Amino acid sequence: MPALLTVNIGAPRPTLHSDVDVTGIDKIPQDGPVRVHRPERMHSGVAGDAICDVRHHGGPDQAVYAYAREDLDDWAVELGRDLRSGMFGENLTTVGVDVTNARIGERWQVGDQVLLEVSTPRIPCRTFAGWLGEQGWIKTFTQWARPGAYLRVIEPGEIAAGDRIEVVHRPDHDVTIATTFRALTTEPELIGGLLAADAHPQHIRDRITARLRRP
């Protein structure tokens, strides 16, 4: 059954790999329920979770970040190291959910209260690379094209490990997290197809428009 394996939050810690010198990427699984809300400005939608680089992270379109435990397990084999839940900076570690092929605008009911909407893929940054300490990590992560999904908070509430996840709305288009990620990174020829989805964040819509205007 699709479910929430862990809910993870991060506290600020020093880093040499961010312009702001601190990061909340190291997220730790929580034992009890955690409040999820619609954030104001560039903050996390998960109570207690630190967003340090507010220029690039947080806000309504990146309120919650989800990554599949199955993908973490594949990465663990590839990298030859253990990867605990939260290690990729995800707030939600899922099981039984095809995060990579979730459609933009898809809605997830998590537990009895919280409703989330898939908004955009995660684009890897040097903070992520520095945290993992893997040579060529941004290129490797990009080539695998399993970026995880950022989500908006449609209905706030509490969530906890073990809560069921149900896809309650799936848009009538084929623009997925994977398709969007590939269009924005390695396969720009796909970018025109992203217009079929209308739930992209404004900055992604702006990138699509700018790319299509190029001669």
Protein backbone atom coordinates (compact mmCIF):
# COMPACT_ATOMS: atom_id res chain seq x y z
CA MET A 1 0.00 0.00 0.00
CA PRO A 2 1.41 3.46 -0.87
CA ALA A 3 2.43 5.08 2.37
CA LEU A 4 4.60 7.59 4.14
CA LEU A 5 7.66 5.80 5.50
CA THR A 6 9.11 8.77 7.39
CA VAL A 7 8.59 12.50 7.87
CA ASN A 8 11.94 14.29 7.99
CA ILE A 9 12.97 17.76 9.15
CA GLY A 10 16.34 19.54 9.15
CA ALA A 11 18.05 22.03 11.43
CA PRO A 12 20.58 24.60 10.19
CA ARG A 13 24.15 23.36 10.10
CA PRO A 14 27.34 24.91 8.70
CA THR A 15 28.34 24.15 5.11
CA LEU A 16 31.09 25.21 2.73
CA HIS A 17 28.87 24.54 -0.26
CA SER A 18 26.23 27.30 -0.05
CA ASP A 19 26.37 31.06 -0.46
CA VAL A 20 24.59 31.44 2.89
CA ASP A 21 27.06 29.17 4.77
CA VAL A 22 24.34 27.09 6.43
CA THR A 23 22.00 24.38 5.18
CA GLY A 24 19.03 22.36 6.39
CA ILE A 25 19.58 19.55 3.90
CA ASP A 26 20.36 16.95 6.58
CA LYS A 27 16.80 15.96 7.46
CA ILE A 28 16.10 13.53 10.30
CA PRO A 29 13.06 11.20 10.61
CA GLN A 30 10.62 12.29 13.31
CA ASP A 31 8.94 10.01 15.82
CA GLY A 32 5.56 11.73 16.12
CA PRO A 33 3.09 13.70 14.03
CA VAL A 34 4.38 16.76 12.18
CA ARG A 35 2.33 19.77 11.14
CA VAL A 36 2.18 20.63 7.43
CA HIS A 37 1.02 24.10 6.38
CA ARG A 38 0.99 26.51 3.45
CA PRO A 39 4.19 28.53 3.91
CA GLU A 40 4.46 32.28 3.58
CA ARG A 41 7.32 33.52 1.41
CA MET A 42 10.30 31.20 1.06
CA HIS A 43 9.83 28.93 4.05
CA SER A 44 9.20 25.22 4.45
CA GLY A 45 5.70 23.82 4.58
CA VAL A 46 6.82 21.36 7.27
CA ALA A 47 6.84 22.69 10.82
CA GLY A 48 10.32 22.86 12.32
CA ASP A 49 12.11 22.35 9.01
CA ALA A 50 14.84 24.87 8.18
CA ILE A 51 15.10 26.55 4.78
CA CYS A 52 18.43 28.40 4.72
CA ASP A 53 18.94 29.37 1.08
CA VAL A 54 15.64 31.17 0.61
CA ARG A 55 16.56 32.35 -2.89
CA HIS A 56 16.32 28.82 -4.27
CA HIS A 57 14.27 26.74 -1.83
CA GLY A 58 10.99 26.82 0.02
CA GLY A 59 7.84 28.78 -0.67
CA PRO A 60 4.36 27.68 -1.76
CA ASP A 61 5.54 25.76 -4.85
CA GLN A 62 8.34 23.98 -2.97
CA ALA A 63 6.64 23.59 0.39
CA VAL A 64 7.33 19.86 0.76
CA TYR A 65 9.89 17.62 -0.95
CA ALA A 66 9.19 13.90 -1.48
CA TYR A 67 11.55 11.10 -2.49
CA ALA A 68 10.84 7.40 -2.94
CA ARG A 69 12.53 4.90 -0.63
CA GLU A 70 12.81 2.57 -3.62
CA ASP A 71 14.95 5.15 -5.44
CA LEU A 72 17.08 5.71 -2.35
CA ASP A 73 17.68 1.95 -2.20
CA ASP A 74 18.78 1.90 -5.84
CA TRP A 75 21.14 4.79 -5.16
CA ALA A 76 22.53 2.98 -2.12
CA VAL A 77 23.47 0.03 -4.33
CA GLU A 78 24.95 2.32 -7.00
CA LEU A 79 27.00 4.33 -4.50
CA GLY A 80 27.92 1.42 -2.24
CA ARG A 81 26.78 3.16 0.95
CA ASP A 82 23.81 3.31 3.27
CA LEU A 83 21.33 6.09 2.62
CA ARG A 84 18.92 6.66 5.47
CA SER A 85 15.57 8.32 4.93
CA GLY A 86 15.99 12.09 4.76
CA MET A 87 19.53 11.78 3.38
CA PHE A 88 18.56 13.43 0.08
CA GLY A 89 17.00 16.34 1.95
CA GLU A 90 13.48 15.03 1.49
CA ASN A 91 10.70 15.86 3.93
CA LEU A 92 8.68 12.81 2.93
CA THR A 93 10.22 9.42 2.27
CA THR A 94 7.55 7.35 0.52
CA VAL A 95 7.01 3.66 -0.18
CA GLY A 96 4.89 2.29 -3.01
CA VAL A 97 4.58 5.71 -4.70
CA ASP A 98 5.90 6.27 -8.23
CA VAL A 99 7.24 9.73 -7.48
CA THR A 100 9.27 9.94 -10.70
CA ASN A 101 6.21 9.42 -12.87
CA ALA A 102 3.82 11.55 -10.84
CA ARG A 103 2.12 14.09 -13.09
CA ILE A 104 2.41 17.83 -12.60
CA GLY A 105 -0.78 18.85 -10.78
CA GLU A 106 -1.40 15.38 -9.38
CA ARG A 107 -2.87 15.45 -5.87
CA TRP A 108 -2.01 13.17 -2.95
CA GLN A 109 -4.10 12.61 0.13
CA VAL A 110 -1.68 11.90 2.98
CA GLY A 111 -3.36 10.50 6.05
CA ASP A 112 -6.76 11.89 6.98
CA GLN A 113 -6.01 15.60 6.81
CA VAL A 114 -3.30 16.67 4.37
CA LEU A 115 -3.75 17.22 0.64
CA LEU A 116 -0.63 17.89 -1.46
CA GLU A 117 -0.17 18.77 -5.14
CA VAL A 118 2.82 17.79 -7.28
CA SER A 119 4.40 20.97 -8.63
CA THR A 120 7.95 20.55 -9.95
CA PRO A 121 11.08 18.35 -9.85
CA ARG A 122 14.11 19.04 -7.70
CA ILE A 123 17.09 20.40 -9.64
CA PRO A 124 20.40 19.36 -8.00
CA CYS A 125 22.65 22.08 -6.59
CA ARG A 126 26.16 22.30 -5.20
CA THR A 127 24.85 22.17 -1.62
CA PHE A 128 23.39 18.74 -2.38
CA ALA A 129 26.63 17.63 -4.04
CA GLY A 130 28.75 18.90 -1.17
CA TRP A 131 26.52 17.24 1.42
CA LEU A 132 26.77 13.80 -0.23
CA GLY A 133 30.46 14.18 -1.07
CA GLU A 134 30.20 12.15 -4.27
CA GLN A 135 32.49 13.07 -7.17
CA GLY A 136 30.50 14.34 -10.17
CA TRP A 137 27.26 14.03 -8.21
CA ILE A 138 25.25 16.70 -10.06
CA LYS A 139 25.97 15.05 -13.41
CA THR A 140 25.24 11.55 -12.10
CA PHE A 141 22.00 12.58 -10.40
CA THR A 142 20.89 14.40 -13.55
CA GLN A 143 21.61 11.42 -15.79
CA TRP A 144 19.54 9.09 -13.59
CA ALA A 145 16.57 11.49 -13.81
CA ARG A 146 14.94 10.42 -10.56
CA PRO A 147 14.76 13.88 -9.01
CA GLY A 148 11.94 13.54 -6.52
CA ALA A 149 8.99 15.91 -6.40
CA TYR A 150 8.24 19.22 -4.77
CA LEU A 151 4.65 19.60 -3.59
CA ARG A 152 2.26 22.40 -2.71
CA VAL A 153 0.09 22.20 0.40
CA ILE A 154 -3.56 22.37 -0.62
CA GLU A 155 -5.04 21.28 2.72
CA PRO A 156 -2.87 21.58 5.85
CA GLY A 157 -2.85 19.28 8.84
CA GLU A 158 -0.75 16.68 10.61
CA ILE A 159 1.07 13.73 9.07
CA ALA A 160 3.12 10.91 10.53
CA ALA A 161 5.12 7.86 9.49
CA GLY A 162 2.78 5.09 8.36
CA ASP A 163 0.09 7.37 6.94
CA ARG A 164 -1.42 6.11 3.70
CA ILE A 165 -0.84 8.06 0.50
CA GLU A 166 -3.64 8.04 -2.08
CA VAL A 167 -3.58 9.70 -5.48
CA VAL A 168 -6.97 11.41 -5.50
CA HIS A 169 -6.53 13.43 -8.70
CA ARG A 170 -4.45 12.65 -11.77
CA PRO A 171 -4.53 15.28 -14.56
CA ASP A 172 -5.38 14.34 -18.12
CA HIS A 173 -1.91 14.94 -19.57
CA ASP A 174 1.38 13.04 -19.62
CA VAL A 175 3.72 15.70 -18.22
CA THR A 176 5.46 13.95 -15.35
CA ILE A 177 8.16 14.88 -12.87
CA ALA A 178 10.65 12.91 -15.00
CA THR A 179 9.59 14.57 -18.26
CA THR A 180 9.80 18.03 -16.73
CA PHE A 181 13.21 17.32 -15.23
CA ARG A 182 14.64 16.00 -18.50
CA ALA A 183 13.21 18.97 -20.44
CA LEU A 184 14.84 21.41 -18.03
CA THR A 185 18.20 19.64 -17.98
CA THR A 186 19.39 17.16 -20.62
CA GLU A 187 16.60 17.15 -23.23
CA PRO A 188 15.51 20.74 -23.98
CA GLU A 189 13.72 19.55 -27.12
CA LEU A 190 10.98 18.27 -24.77
CA ILE A 191 10.23 21.67 -23.29
CA GLY A 192 7.35 22.54 -25.63
CA GLY A 193 5.45 19.51 -24.39
CA LEU A 194 5.46 20.88 -20.86
CA LEU A 195 2.76 23.35 -21.90
CA ALA A 196 0.19 20.55 -21.64
CA ALA A 197 0.35 20.95 -17.86
CA ASP A 198 -0.99 24.13 -16.29
CA ALA A 199 0.21 23.56 -12.70
CA HIS A 200 3.88 24.47 -13.20
CA PRO A 201 5.28 27.15 -10.85
CA GLN A 202 5.58 30.59 -12.43
CA HIS A 203 9.37 30.41 -12.69
CA ILE A 204 9.09 27.18 -14.69
CA ARG A 205 6.44 28.70 -16.97
CA ASP A 206 8.79 31.64 -17.51
CA ARG A 207 11.63 29.27 -18.48
CA ILE A 208 9.37 27.44 -20.92
CA THR A 209 8.27 30.71 -22.54
CA ALA A 210 11.83 32.03 -22.79
CA ARG A 211 13.09 28.80 -24.32
CA LEU A 212 10.31 28.67 -26.91
CA ARG A 213 11.02 32.27 -27.96
CA ARG A 214 14.60 31.49 -28.89
CA PRO A 215 15.27 31.32 -32.65
